[in-house]
Amino acid sequence: MFVSHGALPGEPGPIPVDVTRWAAGLPPGAWPAGFASTGNVWRSEVFALATPALAERLKRAARGRRAGLGTRSRGYGPFRIGRILTQERAGDLLEAALGGLRSDAVTPAVVERCYERFRTTAKLPGLGAAFFTKLLYFAGYRRGQGGIQPLILDRVVEGRLPASAGPAGKYRTERWTGTWLAYLHWAADQSVRPEFGDEPDRVEMAVFAGSWSP
């Protein structure tokens, strides 16, 4: 039975999840027992499932989806994920992109390579940066280490980033690897401020919540 871990420092709130809808899109038994049973998910709960085996979990889910191509999930989110996972070699491509994040210490060079693979050699149609940066974050973020860490870069974060964070808030149609890295460096620099406790994801959370200020 999955046990809730509550909010991370700086986390503005949980994300509501329709368990029935999402679980229906996975192979039988793939949804962790008790996960999101309250209808809400905290980041710490996703980390508990993802680190360090997110690539393998996704690979198994992709195999299950390939074995049942006739199944469909209700709702845009589950349907889109289902379409991604049923693509040929989806599991292998996800493993290729995320496999480098298995170690206890994830270097900036590894983070950069993983992002670039999602854009090139391990690219999956429908899996854009707004989603795959979430995969990189939950598979590769190492709490307590500070420095350059993989962070989520979706449209909400992009729209609220200051000019000092680089071009991420300007170029919405193509999120180049260098654009993401500039944002990571900015967040690492910001994280040394006392209110962020040397955790770059607290900077991202503040930006997402609209509470970041110079």
N, C-alpha and C. Protein backbone atom coordinates (compact mmCIF):
# COMPACT_ATOMS: atom_id res chain seq x y z
N MET A 1 0.84 -1.19 0.00
CA MET A 1 0.00 0.00 0.00
C MET A 1 0.88 1.24 0.00
N PHE A 2 0.60 2.17 -0.90
CA PHE A 2 1.39 3.39 -1.00
C PHE A 2 1.06 4.32 0.16
N VAL A 3 2.10 4.93 0.74
CA VAL A 3 1.92 5.85 1.87
C VAL A 3 2.27 7.26 1.43
N SER A 4 1.40 8.23 1.69
CA SER A 4 1.64 9.62 1.31
C SER A 4 2.80 10.21 2.10
N HIS A 5 3.61 11.04 1.42
CA HIS A 5 4.75 11.67 2.07
C HIS A 5 4.54 13.16 2.28
N GLY A 6 3.42 13.71 1.83
CA GLY A 6 3.14 15.12 2.05
C GLY A 6 3.95 16.04 1.17
N ALA A 7 3.86 17.34 1.47
CA ALA A 7 4.46 18.37 0.62
C ALA A 7 5.97 18.48 0.81
N LEU A 8 6.65 18.82 -0.28
CA LEU A 8 8.06 19.19 -0.20
C LEU A 8 8.16 20.64 0.26
N PRO A 9 9.30 21.05 0.82
CA PRO A 9 9.46 22.45 1.19
C PRO A 9 9.26 23.36 -0.02
N GLY A 10 8.40 24.33 0.13
CA GLY A 10 8.14 25.27 -0.95
C GLY A 10 7.08 24.83 -1.94
N GLU A 11 6.56 23.62 -1.81
CA GLU A 11 5.56 23.14 -2.76
C GLU A 11 4.23 23.86 -2.52
N PRO A 12 3.68 24.50 -3.56
CA PRO A 12 2.47 25.31 -3.34
C PRO A 12 1.21 24.50 -3.10
N GLY A 13 1.16 23.26 -3.54
CA GLY A 13 -0.04 22.45 -3.34
C GLY A 13 0.02 21.18 -4.15
N PRO A 14 -0.90 20.24 -3.90
CA PRO A 14 -0.92 18.98 -4.65
C PRO A 14 -1.60 19.15 -6.01
N ILE A 15 -1.44 18.16 -6.86
CA ILE A 15 -2.10 18.14 -8.17
C ILE A 15 -3.27 17.16 -8.10
N PRO A 16 -4.47 17.59 -8.47
CA PRO A 16 -5.61 16.67 -8.45
C PRO A 16 -5.50 15.63 -9.56
N VAL A 17 -5.83 14.38 -9.24
CA VAL A 17 -5.71 13.28 -10.20
C VAL A 17 -6.97 12.42 -10.14
N ASP A 18 -7.52 12.12 -11.32
CA ASP A 18 -8.64 11.19 -11.42
C ASP A 18 -8.06 9.79 -11.56
N VAL A 19 -7.96 9.07 -10.44
CA VAL A 19 -7.30 7.77 -10.42
C VAL A 19 -7.96 6.79 -11.38
N THR A 20 -9.28 6.75 -11.41
CA THR A 20 -10.00 5.81 -12.26
C THR A 20 -9.63 6.01 -13.72
N ARG A 21 -9.58 7.28 -14.14
CA ARG A 21 -9.28 7.60 -15.53
C ARG A 21 -7.85 7.20 -15.91
N TRP A 22 -6.90 7.55 -15.04
CA TRP A 22 -5.50 7.26 -15.35
C TRP A 22 -5.18 5.78 -15.24
N ALA A 23 -5.66 5.13 -14.21
CA ALA A 23 -5.36 3.71 -14.04
C ALA A 23 -5.92 2.88 -15.18
N ALA A 24 -7.04 3.33 -15.77
CA ALA A 24 -7.65 2.59 -16.87
C ALA A 24 -6.76 2.56 -18.11
N GLY A 25 -5.85 3.49 -18.21
CA GLY A 25 -4.99 3.56 -19.37
C GLY A 25 -3.72 2.73 -19.24
N LEU A 26 -3.53 2.06 -18.11
CA LEU A 26 -2.33 1.26 -17.88
C LEU A 26 -2.67 -0.23 -17.88
N PRO A 27 -1.66 -1.09 -18.08
CA PRO A 27 -1.91 -2.52 -17.98
C PRO A 27 -2.45 -2.87 -16.60
N PRO A 28 -3.25 -3.94 -16.48
CA PRO A 28 -3.80 -4.34 -15.17
C PRO A 28 -2.71 -4.48 -14.12
N GLY A 29 -2.94 -3.86 -12.96
CA GLY A 29 -2.00 -3.95 -11.85
C GLY A 29 -0.84 -2.99 -11.91
N ALA A 30 -0.75 -2.18 -12.98
CA ALA A 30 0.40 -1.27 -13.12
C ALA A 30 0.29 -0.06 -12.22
N TRP A 31 -0.95 0.40 -11.92
CA TRP A 31 -1.11 1.55 -11.04
C TRP A 31 -0.78 1.14 -9.61
N PRO A 32 0.15 1.82 -8.93
CA PRO A 32 0.55 1.42 -7.57
C PRO A 32 -0.63 1.46 -6.60
N ALA A 33 -0.81 0.43 -5.85
CA ALA A 33 -1.92 0.35 -4.90
C ALA A 33 -1.85 1.50 -3.89
N GLY A 34 -2.93 2.25 -3.79
CA GLY A 34 -2.99 3.34 -2.82
C GLY A 34 -2.48 4.66 -3.33
N PHE A 35 -1.83 4.67 -4.51
CA PHE A 35 -1.28 5.92 -5.03
C PHE A 35 -2.41 6.86 -5.44
N ALA A 36 -2.34 8.11 -4.98
CA ALA A 36 -3.34 9.15 -5.27
C ALA A 36 -4.74 8.75 -4.79
N SER A 37 -4.81 7.95 -3.74
CA SER A 37 -6.11 7.49 -3.26
C SER A 37 -6.97 8.64 -2.73
N THR A 38 -6.33 9.75 -2.37
CA THR A 38 -7.08 10.92 -1.89
C THR A 38 -7.56 11.80 -3.05
N GLY A 39 -7.11 11.47 -4.27
CA GLY A 39 -7.44 12.31 -5.41
C GLY A 39 -6.44 13.42 -5.64
N ASN A 40 -5.39 13.46 -4.82
CA ASN A 40 -4.33 14.47 -4.95
C ASN A 40 -2.97 13.81 -4.92
N VAL A 41 -2.02 14.41 -5.62
CA VAL A 41 -0.65 13.88 -5.64
C VAL A 41 0.33 14.98 -5.30
N TRP A 42 1.24 14.68 -4.37
CA TRP A 42 2.34 15.57 -4.03
C TRP A 42 3.60 15.12 -4.77
N ARG A 43 4.51 16.02 -4.99
CA ARG A 43 5.74 15.69 -5.70
C ARG A 43 6.52 14.58 -4.98
N SER A 44 6.55 14.63 -3.68
CA SER A 44 7.31 13.62 -2.93
C SER A 44 6.79 12.22 -3.21
N GLU A 45 5.50 12.10 -3.50
CA GLU A 45 4.92 10.80 -3.78
C GLU A 45 5.37 10.28 -5.15
N VAL A 46 5.50 11.20 -6.10
CA VAL A 46 5.99 10.79 -7.42
C VAL A 46 7.47 10.40 -7.31
N PHE A 47 8.24 11.16 -6.54
CA PHE A 47 9.65 10.81 -6.34
C PHE A 47 9.79 9.42 -5.72
N ALA A 48 8.91 9.10 -4.80
CA ALA A 48 8.99 7.79 -4.13
C ALA A 48 8.82 6.65 -5.13
N LEU A 49 8.07 6.89 -6.19
CA LEU A 49 7.87 5.88 -7.22
C LEU A 49 8.94 5.95 -8.31
N ALA A 50 9.41 7.15 -8.60
CA ALA A 50 10.23 7.35 -9.79
C ALA A 50 11.71 7.12 -9.58
N THR A 51 12.26 7.52 -8.47
CA THR A 51 13.70 7.49 -8.29
C THR A 51 14.13 6.20 -7.60
N PRO A 52 15.08 5.45 -8.22
CA PRO A 52 15.79 5.76 -9.46
C PRO A 52 15.30 4.93 -10.65
N ALA A 53 14.08 4.41 -10.61
CA ALA A 53 13.67 3.41 -11.60
C ALA A 53 12.59 3.89 -12.56
N LEU A 54 12.50 5.20 -12.81
CA LEU A 54 11.43 5.69 -13.67
C LEU A 54 11.53 5.12 -15.08
N ALA A 55 12.73 5.03 -15.62
CA ALA A 55 12.88 4.51 -16.99
C ALA A 55 12.33 3.09 -17.09
N GLU A 56 12.65 2.26 -16.11
CA GLU A 56 12.17 0.88 -16.16
C GLU A 56 10.66 0.80 -15.99
N ARG A 57 10.09 1.63 -15.14
CA ARG A 57 8.63 1.65 -14.97
C ARG A 57 7.94 2.03 -16.27
N LEU A 58 8.45 3.07 -16.94
CA LEU A 58 7.87 3.51 -18.20
C LEU A 58 8.03 2.45 -19.27
N LYS A 59 9.16 1.78 -19.26
CA LYS A 59 9.39 0.73 -20.25
C LYS A 59 8.39 -0.40 -20.08
N ARG A 60 8.14 -0.81 -18.84
CA ARG A 60 7.15 -1.87 -18.59
C ARG A 60 5.76 -1.41 -19.00
N ALA A 61 5.43 -0.14 -18.70
CA ALA A 61 4.13 0.38 -19.09
C ALA A 61 3.97 0.39 -20.60
N ALA A 62 5.05 0.75 -21.31
CA ALA A 62 5.00 0.78 -22.77
C ALA A 62 4.77 -0.62 -23.33
N ARG A 63 5.43 -1.63 -22.75
CA ARG A 63 5.22 -3.00 -23.20
C ARG A 63 3.76 -3.40 -23.01
N GLY A 64 3.21 -3.05 -21.85
CA GLY A 64 1.82 -3.39 -21.57
C GLY A 64 0.86 -2.72 -22.53
N ARG A 65 1.14 -1.46 -22.85
CA ARG A 65 0.28 -0.74 -23.78
C ARG A 65 0.39 -1.33 -25.18
N ARG A 66 1.58 -1.75 -25.61
CA ARG A 66 1.75 -2.36 -26.92
C ARG A 66 0.97 -3.67 -27.02
N ALA A 67 0.85 -4.36 -25.89
CA ALA A 67 0.15 -5.64 -25.89
C ALA A 67 -1.36 -5.45 -25.95
N GLY A 68 -1.87 -4.24 -25.68
CA GLY A 68 -3.31 -3.99 -25.69
C GLY A 68 -3.64 -2.74 -26.46
N LEU A 69 -3.29 -2.71 -27.74
CA LEU A 69 -3.44 -1.50 -28.54
C LEU A 69 -4.89 -1.07 -28.70
N GLY A 70 -5.83 -1.96 -28.47
CA GLY A 70 -7.22 -1.58 -28.68
C GLY A 70 -7.82 -0.80 -27.53
N THR A 71 -7.13 -0.69 -26.41
CA THR A 71 -7.68 0.00 -25.25
C THR A 71 -7.55 1.50 -25.41
N ARG A 72 -8.51 2.23 -24.88
CA ARG A 72 -8.47 3.70 -24.91
C ARG A 72 -8.83 4.23 -23.54
N SER A 73 -8.24 5.35 -23.18
CA SER A 73 -8.52 5.99 -21.90
C SER A 73 -9.38 7.21 -22.13
N ARG A 74 -10.26 7.50 -21.22
CA ARG A 74 -11.07 8.71 -21.31
C ARG A 74 -10.27 9.91 -20.83
N GLY A 75 -10.42 11.04 -21.52
CA GLY A 75 -9.72 12.26 -21.12
C GLY A 75 -8.47 12.47 -21.93
N TYR A 76 -8.14 13.76 -22.16
CA TYR A 76 -7.01 14.10 -23.03
C TYR A 76 -5.69 13.59 -22.48
N GLY A 77 -5.43 13.81 -21.18
CA GLY A 77 -4.15 13.41 -20.61
C GLY A 77 -3.87 11.93 -20.75
N PRO A 78 -4.73 11.06 -20.22
CA PRO A 78 -4.50 9.62 -20.36
C PRO A 78 -4.45 9.17 -21.82
N PHE A 79 -5.30 9.75 -22.67
CA PHE A 79 -5.30 9.36 -24.07
C PHE A 79 -3.97 9.71 -24.73
N ARG A 80 -3.46 10.90 -24.43
CA ARG A 80 -2.19 11.32 -25.03
C ARG A 80 -1.05 10.42 -24.56
N ILE A 81 -1.00 10.12 -23.26
CA ILE A 81 0.06 9.25 -22.76
C ILE A 81 -0.07 7.87 -23.38
N GLY A 82 -1.31 7.40 -23.53
CA GLY A 82 -1.51 6.11 -24.17
C GLY A 82 -0.97 6.09 -25.59
N ARG A 83 -1.19 7.15 -26.34
CA ARG A 83 -0.68 7.22 -27.71
C ARG A 83 0.85 7.20 -27.74
N ILE A 84 1.47 7.87 -26.75
CA ILE A 84 2.94 7.89 -26.69
C ILE A 84 3.48 6.50 -26.38
N LEU A 85 2.89 5.84 -25.40
CA LEU A 85 3.40 4.55 -24.95
C LEU A 85 3.16 3.43 -25.96
N THR A 86 2.19 3.58 -26.84
CA THR A 86 1.93 2.52 -27.82
C THR A 86 2.76 2.67 -29.09
N GLN A 87 3.57 3.69 -29.17
CA GLN A 87 4.43 3.85 -30.35
C GLN A 87 5.52 2.79 -30.37
N GLU A 88 5.90 2.42 -31.58
CA GLU A 88 6.95 1.43 -31.76
C GLU A 88 8.23 1.87 -31.04
N ARG A 89 8.81 0.98 -30.26
CA ARG A 89 10.07 1.20 -29.53
C ARG A 89 9.95 2.29 -28.47
N ALA A 90 8.74 2.62 -28.01
CA ALA A 90 8.58 3.67 -27.01
C ALA A 90 9.37 3.35 -25.74
N GLY A 91 9.28 2.11 -25.28
CA GLY A 91 10.00 1.73 -24.07
C GLY A 91 11.50 1.86 -24.21
N ASP A 92 12.03 1.41 -25.34
CA ASP A 92 13.48 1.49 -25.57
C ASP A 92 13.95 2.94 -25.66
N LEU A 93 13.15 3.79 -26.31
CA LEU A 93 13.54 5.20 -26.44
C LEU A 93 13.50 5.91 -25.10
N LEU A 94 12.50 5.60 -24.27
CA LEU A 94 12.44 6.20 -22.94
C LEU A 94 13.62 5.75 -22.08
N GLU A 95 13.97 4.47 -22.21
CA GLU A 95 15.14 3.96 -21.49
C GLU A 95 16.41 4.66 -21.95
N ALA A 96 16.53 4.87 -23.26
CA ALA A 96 17.72 5.52 -23.80
C ALA A 96 17.84 6.95 -23.30
N ALA A 97 16.71 7.63 -23.15
CA ALA A 97 16.74 9.03 -22.71
C ALA A 97 16.95 9.18 -21.22
N LEU A 98 16.41 8.24 -20.44
CA LEU A 98 16.41 8.38 -18.98
C LEU A 98 17.42 7.49 -18.27
N GLY A 99 17.98 6.52 -18.99
CA GLY A 99 18.85 5.54 -18.35
C GLY A 99 20.04 6.13 -17.63
N GLY A 100 20.54 7.28 -18.12
CA GLY A 100 21.71 7.89 -17.50
C GLY A 100 21.44 8.51 -16.14
N LEU A 101 20.17 8.52 -15.73
CA LEU A 101 19.80 9.16 -14.46
C LEU A 101 19.66 8.15 -13.32
N ARG A 102 20.23 6.97 -13.46
CA ARG A 102 20.09 5.94 -12.43
C ARG A 102 21.05 6.13 -11.26
N SER A 103 22.16 6.82 -11.48
CA SER A 103 23.17 6.92 -10.42
C SER A 103 22.73 7.85 -9.30
N ASP A 104 23.38 7.73 -8.17
CA ASP A 104 23.06 8.57 -7.01
C ASP A 104 23.41 10.03 -7.27
N ALA A 105 24.49 10.27 -8.00
CA ALA A 105 24.91 11.63 -8.32
C ALA A 105 24.75 11.85 -9.82
N VAL A 106 23.93 12.80 -10.19
CA VAL A 106 23.68 13.10 -11.60
C VAL A 106 24.41 14.39 -11.96
N THR A 107 25.35 14.31 -12.89
CA THR A 107 26.16 15.46 -13.24
C THR A 107 25.43 16.35 -14.26
N PRO A 108 25.81 17.63 -14.36
CA PRO A 108 25.22 18.50 -15.38
C PRO A 108 25.37 17.96 -16.79
N ALA A 109 26.50 17.30 -17.07
CA ALA A 109 26.72 16.75 -18.41
C ALA A 109 25.70 15.65 -18.73
N VAL A 110 25.38 14.83 -17.73
CA VAL A 110 24.38 13.77 -17.92
C VAL A 110 23.00 14.39 -18.14
N VAL A 111 22.67 15.39 -17.35
CA VAL A 111 21.39 16.08 -17.50
C VAL A 111 21.25 16.64 -18.91
N GLU A 112 22.31 17.26 -19.41
CA GLU A 112 22.28 17.85 -20.76
C GLU A 112 22.08 16.76 -21.81
N ARG A 113 22.81 15.64 -21.68
CA ARG A 113 22.70 14.57 -22.67
C ARG A 113 21.29 13.98 -22.69
N CYS A 114 20.70 13.81 -21.51
CA CYS A 114 19.35 13.23 -21.45
C CYS A 114 18.33 14.14 -22.14
N TYR A 115 18.43 15.43 -21.91
CA TYR A 115 17.51 16.36 -22.57
C TYR A 115 17.69 16.31 -24.08
N GLU A 116 18.95 16.32 -24.53
CA GLU A 116 19.22 16.32 -25.97
C GLU A 116 18.71 15.04 -26.62
N ARG A 117 18.79 13.92 -25.93
CA ARG A 117 18.28 12.66 -26.49
C ARG A 117 16.78 12.72 -26.70
N PHE A 118 16.05 13.33 -25.76
CA PHE A 118 14.61 13.48 -25.94
C PHE A 118 14.29 14.30 -27.18
N ARG A 119 15.19 15.21 -27.55
CA ARG A 119 14.96 16.05 -28.72
C ARG A 119 15.43 15.40 -30.01
N THR A 120 16.31 14.39 -29.94
CA THR A 120 16.94 13.86 -31.15
C THR A 120 16.81 12.34 -31.24
N THR A 121 17.79 11.61 -30.73
CA THR A 121 17.84 10.16 -30.96
C THR A 121 16.74 9.38 -30.24
N ALA A 122 16.18 9.93 -29.17
CA ALA A 122 15.12 9.24 -28.43
C ALA A 122 13.80 10.00 -28.50
N LYS A 123 13.63 10.76 -29.56
CA LYS A 123 12.44 11.59 -29.69
C LYS A 123 11.19 10.74 -29.93
N LEU A 124 10.13 11.06 -29.18
CA LEU A 124 8.84 10.39 -29.34
C LEU A 124 7.79 11.42 -29.74
N PRO A 125 7.12 11.25 -30.88
CA PRO A 125 6.07 12.19 -31.27
C PRO A 125 5.02 12.34 -30.17
N GLY A 126 4.68 13.58 -29.87
CA GLY A 126 3.70 13.86 -28.83
C GLY A 126 4.31 14.10 -27.47
N LEU A 127 5.58 13.73 -27.29
CA LEU A 127 6.25 13.92 -26.00
C LEU A 127 7.15 15.14 -26.10
N GLY A 128 6.58 16.32 -25.80
CA GLY A 128 7.34 17.55 -25.89
C GLY A 128 8.04 17.90 -24.59
N ALA A 129 8.79 19.00 -24.63
CA ALA A 129 9.60 19.39 -23.48
C ALA A 129 8.77 19.68 -22.23
N ALA A 130 7.57 20.20 -22.40
CA ALA A 130 6.73 20.48 -21.23
C ALA A 130 6.45 19.22 -20.43
N PHE A 131 6.41 18.08 -21.12
CA PHE A 131 6.17 16.81 -20.42
C PHE A 131 7.48 16.11 -20.08
N PHE A 132 8.43 16.02 -21.06
CA PHE A 132 9.61 15.22 -20.76
C PHE A 132 10.53 15.89 -19.74
N THR A 133 10.42 17.23 -19.55
CA THR A 133 11.21 17.81 -18.45
C THR A 133 10.65 17.37 -17.10
N LYS A 134 9.39 17.02 -17.04
CA LYS A 134 8.84 16.43 -15.80
C LYS A 134 9.46 15.06 -15.55
N LEU A 135 9.61 14.26 -16.61
CA LEU A 135 10.26 12.96 -16.47
C LEU A 135 11.71 13.13 -16.01
N LEU A 136 12.42 14.09 -16.62
CA LEU A 136 13.81 14.33 -16.23
C LEU A 136 13.90 14.78 -14.78
N TYR A 137 12.97 15.63 -14.38
CA TYR A 137 12.97 16.13 -13.00
C TYR A 137 12.77 14.99 -12.00
N PHE A 138 11.73 14.20 -12.20
CA PHE A 138 11.43 13.17 -11.21
C PHE A 138 12.42 12.01 -11.25
N ALA A 139 13.04 11.77 -12.41
CA ALA A 139 14.04 10.71 -12.49
C ALA A 139 15.42 11.16 -12.05
N GLY A 140 15.73 12.46 -12.23
CA GLY A 140 17.10 12.90 -12.04
C GLY A 140 17.39 13.88 -10.94
N TYR A 141 16.36 14.50 -10.35
CA TYR A 141 16.64 15.49 -9.29
C TYR A 141 17.18 14.78 -8.05
N ARG A 142 18.27 15.32 -7.51
CA ARG A 142 18.89 14.75 -6.31
C ARG A 142 18.85 15.79 -5.19
N ARG A 143 17.90 15.62 -4.29
CA ARG A 143 17.68 16.58 -3.21
C ARG A 143 18.88 16.60 -2.27
N GLY A 144 19.24 17.82 -1.87
CA GLY A 144 20.36 17.99 -0.94
C GLY A 144 21.70 18.18 -1.61
N GLN A 145 21.75 18.09 -2.95
CA GLN A 145 23.02 18.24 -3.65
C GLN A 145 23.21 19.63 -4.24
N GLY A 146 22.12 20.38 -4.46
CA GLY A 146 22.23 21.72 -5.00
C GLY A 146 22.81 21.73 -6.40
N GLY A 147 23.21 22.91 -6.86
CA GLY A 147 23.84 23.02 -8.17
C GLY A 147 22.86 22.83 -9.32
N ILE A 148 23.40 22.43 -10.48
CA ILE A 148 22.59 22.23 -11.68
C ILE A 148 21.77 20.96 -11.52
N GLN A 149 20.46 21.11 -11.56
CA GLN A 149 19.55 19.98 -11.41
C GLN A 149 18.49 20.04 -12.51
N PRO A 150 17.99 18.89 -12.97
CA PRO A 150 16.91 18.91 -13.97
C PRO A 150 15.64 19.48 -13.37
N LEU A 151 15.01 20.40 -14.07
CA LEU A 151 13.81 21.06 -13.57
C LEU A 151 12.72 21.08 -14.63
N ILE A 152 11.48 21.19 -14.19
CA ILE A 152 10.33 21.27 -15.08
C ILE A 152 10.32 22.61 -15.80
N LEU A 153 10.05 22.55 -17.11
CA LEU A 153 9.90 23.77 -17.90
C LEU A 153 8.65 23.61 -18.76
N ASP A 154 7.51 24.02 -18.20
CA ASP A 154 6.26 23.97 -18.96
C ASP A 154 5.81 25.39 -19.27
N ARG A 155 4.64 25.54 -19.86
CA ARG A 155 4.21 26.86 -20.30
C ARG A 155 3.95 27.81 -19.13
N VAL A 156 3.52 27.28 -18.01
CA VAL A 156 3.28 28.15 -16.85
C VAL A 156 4.60 28.74 -16.37
N VAL A 157 5.62 27.88 -16.21
CA VAL A 157 6.93 28.35 -15.76
C VAL A 157 7.53 29.31 -16.79
N GLU A 158 7.47 28.93 -18.07
CA GLU A 158 8.01 29.80 -19.12
C GLU A 158 7.40 31.20 -19.06
N GLY A 159 6.09 31.24 -18.89
CA GLY A 159 5.41 32.51 -18.92
C GLY A 159 5.72 33.42 -17.75
N ARG A 160 6.33 32.87 -16.70
CA ARG A 160 6.60 33.66 -15.51
C ARG A 160 8.09 33.87 -15.24
N LEU A 161 8.94 33.33 -16.11
CA LEU A 161 10.38 33.49 -15.91
C LEU A 161 10.81 34.92 -16.24
N PRO A 162 11.75 35.46 -15.47
CA PRO A 162 12.29 36.79 -15.78
C PRO A 162 13.29 36.70 -16.92
N ALA A 163 13.63 37.83 -17.50
CA ALA A 163 14.60 37.86 -18.59
C ALA A 163 15.95 37.29 -18.17
N SER A 164 16.28 37.42 -16.89
CA SER A 164 17.58 36.93 -16.39
C SER A 164 17.70 35.42 -16.44
N ALA A 165 16.58 34.71 -16.64
CA ALA A 165 16.60 33.24 -16.71
C ALA A 165 16.95 32.75 -18.11
N GLY A 166 17.21 33.67 -19.04
CA GLY A 166 17.55 33.26 -20.39
C GLY A 166 16.35 33.30 -21.32
N PRO A 167 16.47 32.67 -22.48
CA PRO A 167 15.44 32.81 -23.52
C PRO A 167 14.23 31.90 -23.37
N ALA A 168 14.13 31.12 -22.31
CA ALA A 168 13.03 30.16 -22.19
C ALA A 168 11.66 30.82 -22.24
N GLY A 169 11.55 32.01 -21.70
CA GLY A 169 10.26 32.69 -21.71
C GLY A 169 9.94 33.38 -23.01
N LYS A 170 10.90 33.37 -23.94
CA LYS A 170 10.73 34.08 -25.21
C LYS A 170 10.41 33.15 -26.36
N TYR A 171 11.10 32.00 -26.41
CA TYR A 171 10.92 31.08 -27.53
C TYR A 171 10.05 29.91 -27.11
N ARG A 172 8.79 29.94 -27.48
CA ARG A 172 7.83 28.93 -27.05
C ARG A 172 7.72 27.75 -28.02
N THR A 173 8.09 27.96 -29.30
CA THR A 173 7.88 26.91 -30.28
C THR A 173 8.99 25.87 -30.28
N GLU A 174 10.17 26.20 -29.84
CA GLU A 174 11.28 25.25 -29.81
C GLU A 174 12.08 25.46 -28.53
N ARG A 175 12.10 24.44 -27.69
CA ARG A 175 12.86 24.54 -26.44
C ARG A 175 14.21 23.85 -26.65
N TRP A 176 15.18 24.61 -27.15
CA TRP A 176 16.50 24.07 -27.42
C TRP A 176 17.15 23.61 -26.10
N THR A 177 18.11 22.70 -26.23
CA THR A 177 18.82 22.21 -25.05
C THR A 177 19.49 23.36 -24.31
N GLY A 178 20.13 24.26 -25.06
CA GLY A 178 20.79 25.40 -24.43
C GLY A 178 19.83 26.33 -23.71
N THR A 179 18.59 26.43 -24.22
CA THR A 179 17.57 27.24 -23.56
C THR A 179 17.24 26.68 -22.19
N TRP A 180 17.06 25.37 -22.13
CA TRP A 180 16.76 24.70 -20.86
C TRP A 180 17.93 24.84 -19.89
N LEU A 181 19.16 24.66 -20.40
CA LEU A 181 20.34 24.74 -19.54
C LEU A 181 20.51 26.13 -18.95
N ALA A 182 20.23 27.17 -19.74
CA ALA A 182 20.32 28.53 -19.22
C ALA A 182 19.36 28.72 -18.05
N TYR A 183 18.18 28.16 -18.17
CA TYR A 183 17.18 28.21 -17.09
C TYR A 183 17.67 27.45 -15.86
N LEU A 184 18.31 26.29 -16.07
CA LEU A 184 18.83 25.51 -14.93
C LEU A 184 19.93 26.26 -14.21
N HIS A 185 20.81 26.90 -14.96
CA HIS A 185 21.89 27.68 -14.34
C HIS A 185 21.31 28.86 -13.54
N TRP A 186 20.32 29.52 -14.10
CA TRP A 186 19.68 30.62 -13.39
C TRP A 186 19.05 30.13 -12.09
N ALA A 187 18.34 29.01 -12.14
CA ALA A 187 17.68 28.47 -10.94
C ALA A 187 18.72 28.06 -9.89
N ALA A 188 19.84 27.50 -10.34
CA ALA A 188 20.90 27.12 -9.40
C ALA A 188 21.45 28.36 -8.70
N ASP A 189 21.65 29.44 -9.46
CA ASP A 189 22.15 30.68 -8.86
C ASP A 189 21.13 31.25 -7.86
N GLN A 190 19.85 31.19 -8.22
CA GLN A 190 18.80 31.71 -7.34
C GLN A 190 18.65 30.88 -6.07
N SER A 191 18.94 29.59 -6.19
CA SER A 191 18.67 28.67 -5.07
C SER A 191 19.52 28.94 -3.84
N VAL A 192 20.61 29.70 -3.98
CA VAL A 192 21.45 29.98 -2.82
C VAL A 192 20.82 31.04 -1.92
N ARG A 193 19.76 31.70 -2.39
CA ARG A 193 19.06 32.64 -1.53
C ARG A 193 18.47 31.88 -0.34
N PRO A 194 18.47 32.47 0.86
CA PRO A 194 18.03 31.75 2.07
C PRO A 194 16.65 31.13 1.95
N GLU A 195 15.73 31.79 1.27
CA GLU A 195 14.36 31.27 1.21
C GLU A 195 14.24 30.00 0.36
N PHE A 196 15.29 29.69 -0.43
CA PHE A 196 15.22 28.51 -1.29
C PHE A 196 16.07 27.35 -0.78
N GLY A 197 16.87 27.58 0.25
CA GLY A 197 17.58 26.49 0.92
C GLY A 197 18.48 25.66 0.04
N ASP A 198 19.06 26.26 -1.01
CA ASP A 198 19.97 25.56 -1.92
C ASP A 198 19.29 24.42 -2.66
N GLU A 199 17.99 24.54 -2.89
CA GLU A 199 17.24 23.56 -3.68
C GLU A 199 16.67 24.26 -4.92
N PRO A 200 17.24 24.00 -6.11
CA PRO A 200 16.76 24.67 -7.31
C PRO A 200 15.28 24.44 -7.61
N ASP A 201 14.74 23.29 -7.21
CA ASP A 201 13.32 23.08 -7.53
C ASP A 201 12.41 23.99 -6.71
N ARG A 202 12.90 24.52 -5.60
CA ARG A 202 12.09 25.49 -4.86
C ARG A 202 11.99 26.81 -5.64
N VAL A 203 13.00 27.09 -6.43
CA VAL A 203 12.94 28.26 -7.31
C VAL A 203 11.87 28.01 -8.38
N GLU A 204 11.91 26.84 -9.00
CA GLU A 204 10.91 26.50 -10.01
C GLU A 204 9.50 26.53 -9.43
N MET A 205 9.31 26.00 -8.22
CA MET A 205 8.00 26.01 -7.58
C MET A 205 7.52 27.44 -7.35
N ALA A 206 8.43 28.30 -6.94
CA ALA A 206 8.06 29.70 -6.69
C ALA A 206 7.66 30.39 -7.98
N VAL A 207 8.39 30.09 -9.06
CA VAL A 207 8.04 30.66 -10.36
C VAL A 207 6.66 30.15 -10.79
N PHE A 208 6.45 28.85 -10.67
CA PHE A 208 5.18 28.24 -11.05
C PHE A 208 4.02 28.86 -10.28
N ALA A 209 4.23 29.08 -8.99
CA ALA A 209 3.17 29.63 -8.13
C ALA A 209 3.01 31.14 -8.29
N GLY A 210 3.94 31.78 -9.00
CA GLY A 210 3.88 33.22 -9.16
C GLY A 210 4.39 33.99 -7.96
N SER A 211 5.13 33.34 -7.08
CA SER A 211 5.60 33.99 -5.86
C SER A 211 7.07 34.39 -5.91
N TRP A 212 7.78 34.04 -7.02
CA TRP A 212 9.20 34.43 -7.13
C TRP A 212 9.29 35.94 -7.33
N SER A 213 10.28 36.55 -6.70
CA SER A 213 10.55 37.97 -6.91
C SER A 213 12.06 38.18 -6.91
N PRO A 214 12.54 39.22 -7.60
CA PRO A 214 13.99 39.46 -7.65
C PRO A 214 14.58 39.69 -6.27
